[in-house]
Protein backbone atom coordinates (compact mmCIF):
# COMPACT_ATOMS: atom_id res chain seq x y z
CA MET A 1 -0.06 0.08 0.00
CA THR A 2 1.31 3.41 -1.01
CA THR A 3 1.49 6.05 2.06
CA ALA A 4 0.80 9.70 1.21
CA PRO A 5 4.05 11.80 1.85
CA VAL A 6 3.76 14.25 4.93
CA SER A 7 4.35 17.47 3.94
CA ARG A 8 6.57 19.89 5.61
CA ARG A 9 3.93 22.32 6.99
CA ARG A 10 1.80 19.42 8.12
CA SER A 11 4.43 18.05 9.89
CA LEU A 12 5.12 21.12 11.73
CA GLY A 13 1.62 21.72 12.56
CA VAL A 14 1.88 18.53 14.90
CA ILE A 15 4.65 19.85 16.45
CA ALA A 16 3.56 23.23 17.15
CA THR A 17 0.18 21.87 18.41
CA ALA A 18 2.06 19.48 20.68
CA ALA A 19 4.18 22.28 21.88
CA VAL A 20 1.18 24.48 23.03
CA VAL A 21 -0.66 21.44 24.49
CA VAL A 22 1.52 22.01 27.85
CA LEU A 23 0.16 25.59 28.05
CA THR A 24 -3.50 24.87 28.06
CA GLY A 25 -3.42 22.58 31.24
CA CYS A 26 -6.16 20.14 32.16
CA SER A 27 -9.62 20.39 33.28
CA GLY A 28 -11.01 18.99 36.32
CA GLY A 29 -13.70 17.38 34.74
CA PRO A 30 -13.88 13.42 34.88
CA SER A 31 -14.57 12.95 31.42
CA ARG A 32 -13.44 15.55 28.84
CA ALA A 33 -9.99 17.49 28.52
CA PRO A 34 -10.00 20.98 26.56
CA ALA A 35 -9.32 21.08 23.22
CA PRO A 36 -5.46 22.37 22.65
CA ARG A 37 -5.46 26.02 21.32
CA GLN A 38 -4.04 26.91 18.37
CA PRO A 39 -0.49 27.70 18.32
CA SER A 40 0.61 31.18 17.78
CA PRO A 41 2.75 32.72 14.92
CA ASP A 42 5.77 32.52 16.75
CA GLU A 43 5.10 28.74 18.01
CA ARG A 44 4.49 27.88 14.30
CA ALA A 45 7.51 29.43 13.38
CA VAL A 46 9.48 27.81 16.07
CA ALA A 47 7.92 24.41 15.35
CA SER A 48 8.44 24.91 11.76
CA SER A 49 12.47 25.83 12.32
CA VAL A 50 12.95 22.81 14.76
CA LEU A 51 11.54 20.57 12.06
CA ASP A 52 14.10 21.77 9.44
CA GLU A 53 17.10 21.99 11.79
CA GLN A 54 16.33 18.43 12.80
CA ARG A 55 16.17 17.61 9.14
CA LEU A 56 19.47 19.22 8.37
CA VAL A 57 21.29 17.69 11.30
CA ALA A 58 20.11 14.35 9.90
CA ARG A 59 21.15 15.20 6.29
CA TYR A 60 24.78 16.07 7.45
CA ALA A 61 25.06 12.93 9.68
CA GLN A 62 24.12 10.79 6.44
CA ALA A 63 26.21 12.60 4.27
CA ALA A 64 29.31 12.01 6.59
CA LEU A 65 28.33 8.27 6.89
CA GLU A 66 28.01 7.90 2.78
CA ARG A 67 31.01 9.86 1.99
CA PRO A 68 33.59 9.75 4.90
CA GLU A 69 35.90 11.99 3.09
CA LEU A 70 33.66 14.95 3.20
CA ALA A 71 33.21 14.76 7.15
CA PRO A 72 35.82 17.24 7.86
CA ARG A 73 34.56 19.65 5.22
CA LEU A 74 30.96 19.30 6.66
CA ALA A 75 31.84 19.26 10.36
CA SER A 76 31.65 23.02 10.96
CA ALA A 77 28.05 23.51 9.44
CA ARG A 78 26.70 20.36 11.04
CA ALA A 79 27.97 21.79 14.39
CA GLU A 80 26.33 25.20 13.64
CA HIS A 81 23.01 23.59 12.81
CA ALA A 82 23.34 21.50 16.11
CA GLU A 83 23.74 25.13 17.81
CA HIS A 84 20.59 26.42 15.76
CA LEU A 85 18.43 23.34 16.98
CA ALA A 86 19.65 23.74 20.43
CA ALA A 87 18.49 27.54 20.60
CA LEU A 88 15.30 27.05 18.73
CA VAL A 89 14.10 24.04 21.06
CA ALA A 90 15.02 26.23 24.16
CA LEU A 91 12.17 28.47 22.95
CA LEU A 92 9.49 25.37 22.78
CA PRO A 93 7.41 25.17 25.92
CA ARG A 94 8.37 22.39 28.70
CA ALA A 95 7.10 19.43 27.10
CA THR A 96 5.39 16.12 28.55
CA PRO A 97 7.43 12.79 27.29
CA SER A 98 4.52 12.05 24.65
CA ASP A 99 5.03 15.94 23.35
CA GLN A 100 8.91 15.71 23.29
CA ALA A 101 8.20 12.00 21.44
CA ALA A 102 6.14 14.08 19.07
CA ALA A 103 8.56 16.90 18.24
CA SER A 104 11.66 14.22 17.66
CA PRO A 105 13.10 13.61 14.21
CA ALA A 106 11.63 9.88 14.40
CA SER A 107 8.32 11.57 14.22
CA ASP A 108 8.81 13.05 10.84
CA PRO A 109 9.51 10.51 8.21
CA ALA A 110 11.72 12.71 6.05
CA ALA A 111 13.99 13.10 8.91
CA ALA A 112 13.93 9.52 9.96
CA ARG A 113 14.83 8.21 6.54
CA ALA A 114 17.70 10.91 6.35
CA ALA A 115 18.93 9.87 9.66
CA SER A 116 19.08 6.03 8.94
CA PRO A 117 22.57 4.63 7.61
CA SER A 118 20.47 2.30 5.33
CA ALA A 119 18.47 5.60 3.66
CA GLY A 120 17.54 4.67 0.41
CA GLY A 121 17.96 1.17 0.25
CA SER A 122 17.01 -2.05 2.40
CA ALA A 123 19.26 -3.17 5.60
CA SER A 124 20.44 -6.45 3.51
CA SER A 125 21.45 -4.37 0.34
CA PRO A 126 22.28 -0.73 1.01
CA ALA A 127 22.19 1.74 -1.83
CA PRO A 128 25.76 2.41 -3.25
CA ALA A 129 27.06 5.61 -2.32
CA ARG A 130 26.38 8.54 -4.33
CA PRO A 131 29.47 10.73 -5.78
CA ALA A 132 30.69 13.41 -3.42
CA THR A 133 29.56 16.00 -6.08
CA VAL A 134 25.83 14.90 -5.64
CA VAL A 135 26.06 14.91 -1.86
CA LEU A 136 27.27 18.33 -1.76
CA ALA A 137 24.56 19.47 -4.56
CA ASP A 138 21.90 17.86 -2.09
CA LEU A 139 22.98 19.51 0.87
CA ALA A 140 23.31 22.88 -0.77
CA ALA A 141 19.65 22.42 -2.12
CA ALA A 142 18.44 21.68 1.51
CA GLU A 143 20.11 24.58 2.79
CA ALA A 144 18.91 26.87 0.15
CA SER A 145 15.57 25.60 0.89
CA ALA A 146 16.03 26.22 4.60
CA VAL A 147 16.97 29.85 3.89
CA GLN A 148 13.66 30.30 2.23
CA ASP A 149 11.93 28.79 5.07
CA ARG A 150 13.32 30.69 7.51
CA LEU A 151 12.53 33.86 5.47
CA LEU A 152 9.01 32.90 5.69
CA ASP A 153 8.84 32.11 9.33
CA ALA A 154 10.64 35.27 10.32
CA GLY A 155 7.75 37.22 8.46
CA SER A 156 5.29 36.62 11.01
CA ALA A 157 7.60 36.32 13.88
CA SER A 158 7.92 38.67 16.93
CA PRO A 159 10.80 40.83 16.84
CA GLY A 160 13.16 38.88 19.03
CA LEU A 161 12.44 35.63 17.36
CA ALA A 162 12.88 37.43 14.03
CA ARG A 163 15.92 38.52 14.68
CA LEU A 164 17.07 34.77 15.88
CA LEU A 165 15.64 33.45 12.57
CA VAL A 166 17.32 35.82 10.13
CA SER A 167 20.51 35.17 11.80
CA VAL A 168 19.93 31.29 11.37
CA CYS A 169 18.90 32.30 7.65
CA ALA A 170 22.23 34.14 7.18
CA ALA A 171 24.22 31.23 8.53
CA GLU A 172 22.24 28.72 6.08
CA THR A 173 23.14 31.01 3.31
CA VAL A 174 26.77 30.94 4.13
CA HIS A 175 26.54 27.07 4.13
CA ALA A 176 24.81 26.87 0.73
CA ARG A 177 27.29 29.22 -0.79
CA ALA A 178 30.08 27.02 0.63
CA LEU A 179 28.69 23.95 -0.83
CA GLY A 180 28.32 25.47 -4.20
CA GLY A 181 24.89 27.14 -4.18
CA ARG A 182 24.18 30.20 -6.41
CA PRO A 183 24.10 33.61 -4.76
CA ALA A 184 20.84 35.03 -4.65
CA PRO A 185 19.62 38.11 -6.55
CA ALA A 186 20.58 41.51 -4.73
CA ALA A 187 17.79 42.66 -2.58
CA THR A 188 16.64 45.99 -2.75
CA MET A 189 14.86 47.69 0.19
CA PRO A 190 11.44 48.54 -0.57
CA ALA A 191 10.02 52.10 0.27
CA PRO A 192 8.30 52.27 3.43
CA ALA A 193 4.50 51.72 3.56
CA THR A 194 2.26 54.61 3.67
CA GLY A 195 1.13 54.16 7.22
CA ALA A 196 4.78 53.98 8.44
CA VAL A 197 5.74 57.28 6.95
CA SER A 198 6.07 60.06 9.58
CA THR A 199 5.56 63.91 9.28
CA PRO A 200 8.85 65.95 9.60
CA ARG A 201 9.29 67.98 12.73
CA PRO A 202 10.36 71.61 12.35
CA ASN A 203 13.89 70.33 14.06
CA GLY A 204 14.35 67.69 11.47
CA SER A 205 13.66 64.83 13.49
CA ALA A 206 11.23 62.49 13.05
CA ALA A 207 7.75 62.21 14.80
CA ALA A 208 7.13 60.00 17.33
CA SER A 209 5.76 57.27 15.18
CA GLY A 210 9.01 56.55 13.94
CA GLY A 211 10.33 55.10 17.29
CA PRO A 212 12.90 52.30 17.58
CA ALA A 213 12.38 51.36 13.83
CA LEU A 214 13.80 54.53 12.82
CA GLN A 215 16.74 54.36 15.24
CA SER A 216 17.61 51.08 13.48
CA TRP A 217 17.29 52.67 10.18
CA GLN A 218 19.45 55.46 11.06
CA GLN A 219 22.09 52.93 12.66
CA ALA A 220 22.17 50.79 9.53
CA LEU A 221 22.82 53.84 7.56
CA ASP A 222 25.62 55.11 9.87
CA ALA A 223 26.98 51.21 9.40
CA GLU A 224 26.91 51.48 5.78
CA HIS A 225 28.95 54.90 5.99
CA ALA A 226 31.33 53.20 8.04
CA ALA A 227 31.69 50.27 5.48
CA VAL A 228 32.19 52.33 2.45
CA TRP A 229 35.43 54.36 4.40
CA VAL A 230 36.58 51.07 5.46
CA TYR A 231 36.63 49.78 2.16
CA GLY A 232 38.34 52.59 0.66
CA LEU A 233 40.80 52.23 3.69
CA ALA A 234 41.61 48.78 3.33
CA GLY A 235 41.18 47.97 -0.47
CA PRO A 236 44.64 49.02 -1.64
CA HIS A 237 46.06 47.15 1.08
CA LEU A 238 44.58 43.78 -0.45
CA ALA A 239 46.03 41.18 -2.55
CA VAL A 240 45.62 42.11 -6.30
CA ALA A 241 43.45 38.98 -6.85
CA ARG A 242 40.94 40.38 -4.11
CA GLN A 243 40.80 43.88 -5.00
CA GLY A 244 38.14 43.25 -7.52
CA ALA A 245 35.89 41.73 -5.24
CA ALA A 246 36.55 44.55 -2.62
CA ARG A 247 35.58 47.06 -5.38
CA ALA A 248 32.51 45.11 -5.85
CA ALA A 249 31.77 45.33 -2.15
CA GLU A 250 32.34 48.86 -1.86
CA ALA A 251 29.98 49.53 -4.68
CA LEU A 252 27.33 47.41 -3.01
CA HIS A 253 27.69 49.40 0.17
CA ARG A 254 27.55 52.80 -1.55
CA ASP A 255 24.24 51.66 -3.11
CA ARG A 256 22.50 50.35 0.07
CA ARG A 257 23.64 53.50 1.83
CA ASP A 258 21.93 55.54 -0.78
CA GLN A 259 18.87 53.49 -0.22
CA LEU A 260 18.99 53.71 3.62
CA ARG A 261 19.14 57.41 2.90
CA ALA A 262 16.06 57.32 0.81
CA THR A 263 14.21 55.27 3.39
CA VAL A 264 15.36 57.59 6.21
CA ARG A 265 13.82 60.68 4.26
CA ALA A 266 10.77 58.89 3.64
CA LEU A 267 10.14 58.23 7.52
CA GLY A 268 10.48 61.91 7.97
CA ASP A 269 14.01 62.21 9.37
CA GLU A 270 17.32 63.72 8.04
CA PRO A 271 19.63 61.08 6.81
CA ALA A 272 22.89 60.91 9.23
CA GLY A 273 25.95 62.00 7.27
CA PRO A 274 29.26 60.11 7.06
CA MET A 275 31.86 60.86 9.85
CA ALA A 276 35.28 61.96 8.68
CA ALA A 277 36.95 59.00 9.85
CA TYR A 278 35.85 55.68 11.77
CA ALA A 279 37.82 53.88 14.31
CA VAL A 280 39.36 50.58 13.48
CA PRO A 281 40.89 48.04 15.43
CA VAL A 282 44.10 47.48 13.38
CA ALA A 283 45.08 49.68 10.62
CA PRO A 284 45.29 47.90 7.43
CA SER A 285 49.12 47.27 6.53
CA SER A 286 49.30 43.97 4.70
CA PRO A 287 47.01 41.68 2.85
CA ALA A 288 46.35 39.90 5.87
CA THR A 289 45.14 42.83 8.01
CA ALA A 290 43.32 44.49 5.37
CA ALA A 291 41.05 41.42 5.20
CA ALA A 292 40.86 40.94 8.88
CA LEU A 293 39.40 44.46 9.03
CA LEU A 294 37.07 44.25 6.35
CA ALA A 295 35.51 41.05 8.06
CA VAL A 296 35.20 43.10 11.21
CA VAL A 297 33.38 45.89 9.25
CA GLU A 298 31.07 43.38 7.67
CA SER A 299 30.49 41.61 10.97
CA ARG A 300 29.65 44.71 12.78
CA LEU A 301 27.30 45.97 9.87
CA GLY A 302 25.37 42.56 10.27
CA ASP A 303 25.18 43.00 13.94
CA VAL A 304 22.78 46.18 13.07
CA LEU A 305 21.02 44.52 10.20
CA SER A 306 19.90 41.86 12.49
CA VAL A 307 18.21 44.75 14.74
CA LEU A 308 16.78 46.73 11.45
CA ALA A 309 15.07 43.15 10.54
CA ALA A 310 13.72 42.50 14.28
CA THR A 311 12.19 46.33 14.09
CA THR A 312 10.77 46.25 10.45
CA ARG A 313 8.17 44.17 8.87
CA GLY A 314 7.10 42.56 5.66
CA ALA A 315 9.16 43.38 2.48
CA GLN A 316 11.46 45.30 4.53
CA ARG A 317 12.09 42.66 7.19
CA THR A 318 12.99 40.20 4.18
CA ALA A 319 15.22 42.57 2.28
CA ALA A 320 17.04 43.33 5.90
CA ALA A 321 17.30 39.68 6.20
CA ARG A 322 19.07 39.40 2.99
CA TRP A 323 21.25 42.08 3.28
CA LEU A 324 22.54 40.39 6.71
CA ALA A 325 22.95 37.03 4.81
CA ASP A 326 24.95 39.07 2.33
CA THR A 327 27.34 40.37 5.13
CA ALA A 328 27.83 36.95 6.62
CA VAL A 329 28.80 35.59 3.18
CA ARG A 330 31.49 38.58 2.89
CA VAL A 331 32.74 37.91 6.57
CA THR A 332 33.39 34.31 5.59
CA GLY A 333 35.10 35.56 2.36
CA TRP A 334 37.27 37.72 4.09
CA SER A 335 38.14 35.77 7.38
CA GLY A 336 37.57 32.03 6.05
CA THR A 337 35.64 31.37 9.32
CA THR A 338 31.93 30.71 9.69
CA VAL A 339 29.76 31.59 12.85
CA ALA A 340 26.42 29.75 13.82
CA PHE A 341 24.72 33.09 14.61
CA PRO A 342 25.69 36.01 12.46
CA GLY A 343 24.44 39.33 13.56
CA MET A 344 23.95 38.27 17.06
CA PRO A 345 27.44 39.25 19.08
CA GLU A 346 25.62 38.26 22.35
CA ARG A 347 25.36 34.50 20.95
CA ARG A 348 28.83 34.68 19.63
CA ALA A 349 30.21 35.37 22.72
CA ARG A 350 29.09 32.41 24.87
């Protein structure tokens, strides 16, 4: 008998409902328990993300079993997914053993198949190992799919959860690129919604409706000013082979600086101008120190963009998340290292 496949959204619904059962309690009646309430958008987003991270951890484990020579290359991303999973599971309500079983990888058929050493064949006749290139392409596709799902989940999440989800999205973007995935088209920051535009005050400050979001826009603009300045400082010290990438990145930062200026004006405030100079941790004097400095400025920009994503909504949040992912890719490009939570220095310091 053929069994219908279980969709990702249907699976996460089971997990989300199990997660909120513990919040509803039980009635004192002798015969009927209350129906579980519907999960909130945050609970659904967490459940969705937990399910995806379980699947990714299982996929990486299976890939290392299938092609042991790839294990060292995959170790960092696999460890980062484990960190993502731990951070997300910590947001689930304290569950009963039966709820925990419902949220385990084994409860999802796809995750269980990926975790099984004999996935794709029977125990008596395991399927032959796929070529390494196919294994890597499969992981890259899984990462790219997860990126889209995290953007979708972040769209309806509360600010704090959205910041975590866009950070995970950025890490997954780095993984996909490292595995050979194609870069996404450059994201353009959309204009503010009509209701979000405030009336300018005589002194040039925004009306009270701007609030923390307006401050986040100004901080992002200042970070882009700093990035443009640092690229101009460090670029000439890079190895010749890397100067083209630096010029392209500087041009991108100039374009995004201009987009942010336009957004701040649309919100009714005067865009902050650039400083004459910016403090840097080290003066670039060699290709190595120049690349290290560019990694620092990109990382600092990412920290600001994660806050911007948290304080915006809709298409602007998605664009900020994509900009954060871009900075994470450039941090890795300049430093040769990755982090589990781009844009979240408080988690990186743990």
